[in-house]
């Protein structure tokens, strides 16, 4: 993929490169990628900046360290700072929720506490056998506010109770069996597995991908009839307004690969 000039932004605690159709965000707060307030502000800003960028089809989030993220620091969990910490994490959650571009999370090490919650925000998760996912907050006398709400829908109530009430981690294989991650590969095979997924997504129209993600995300938790009505409304009244829909249909008839305009 050809890169574009001026599309690598300098941050202190993350690396952000949107020089191709894949925007790459890398957590970079050695040695454990603790999720400090400044890091979370940078992460939210990076994601927010991609809204309306038709040239970016998806986002990849990974880590430069052996640990994906050790979560929130003890200092930032103290009563005098916890409000600011939750506010910053809420901003990340909102940025991810509002961005219509698919978010691919790559995990090659432990994801602990808020680090594991961050993984849960991903639309797809590719992990290696080195990955571990844990919510050990109970050991500090608190509970994980995001995981307590999100995990029942992702891995089921029983496993959520076990994971949060005991603080015991999930292995990568357990996370795969529960549907918390999409794929588990060896560390050596990770680059190939990631590139295959990104290349596959990159073959498609950016606006169609965005609309598809929006329909899936907004339907979760809604009554079936309401979700179906919303999906069909978007399909008829928004999807078919895209130039890429006409191009896709022509390409099928003409038996060729579509040339997307991403609009």
Foldseek 3Di string as FASTA:
>chain_A
DAFDPPQWDDDDQWTWGPRALEIEIEGHDPDASEDDLSSLQVLLVRLQVCPPPLRHQAYEYAYPYQHRHQYHDPVCCDPVRVVSVVVSLVSNLVSLLPFLHAYEYEGEAEQEAVRLVVLQSHPAYEYEQRYKYARQCVVVVDFRPSLVPRVCVQQNDVVSCVRTVVRDIDGPVRCCVRRSHPYYHHPVCVVVVVVVVVVVSVLDQRVVSSLVSNLVSVLPPDPPVVSVVVNVCCVPPPVVVAPVVVQVVVCVVVVHRGDYPND
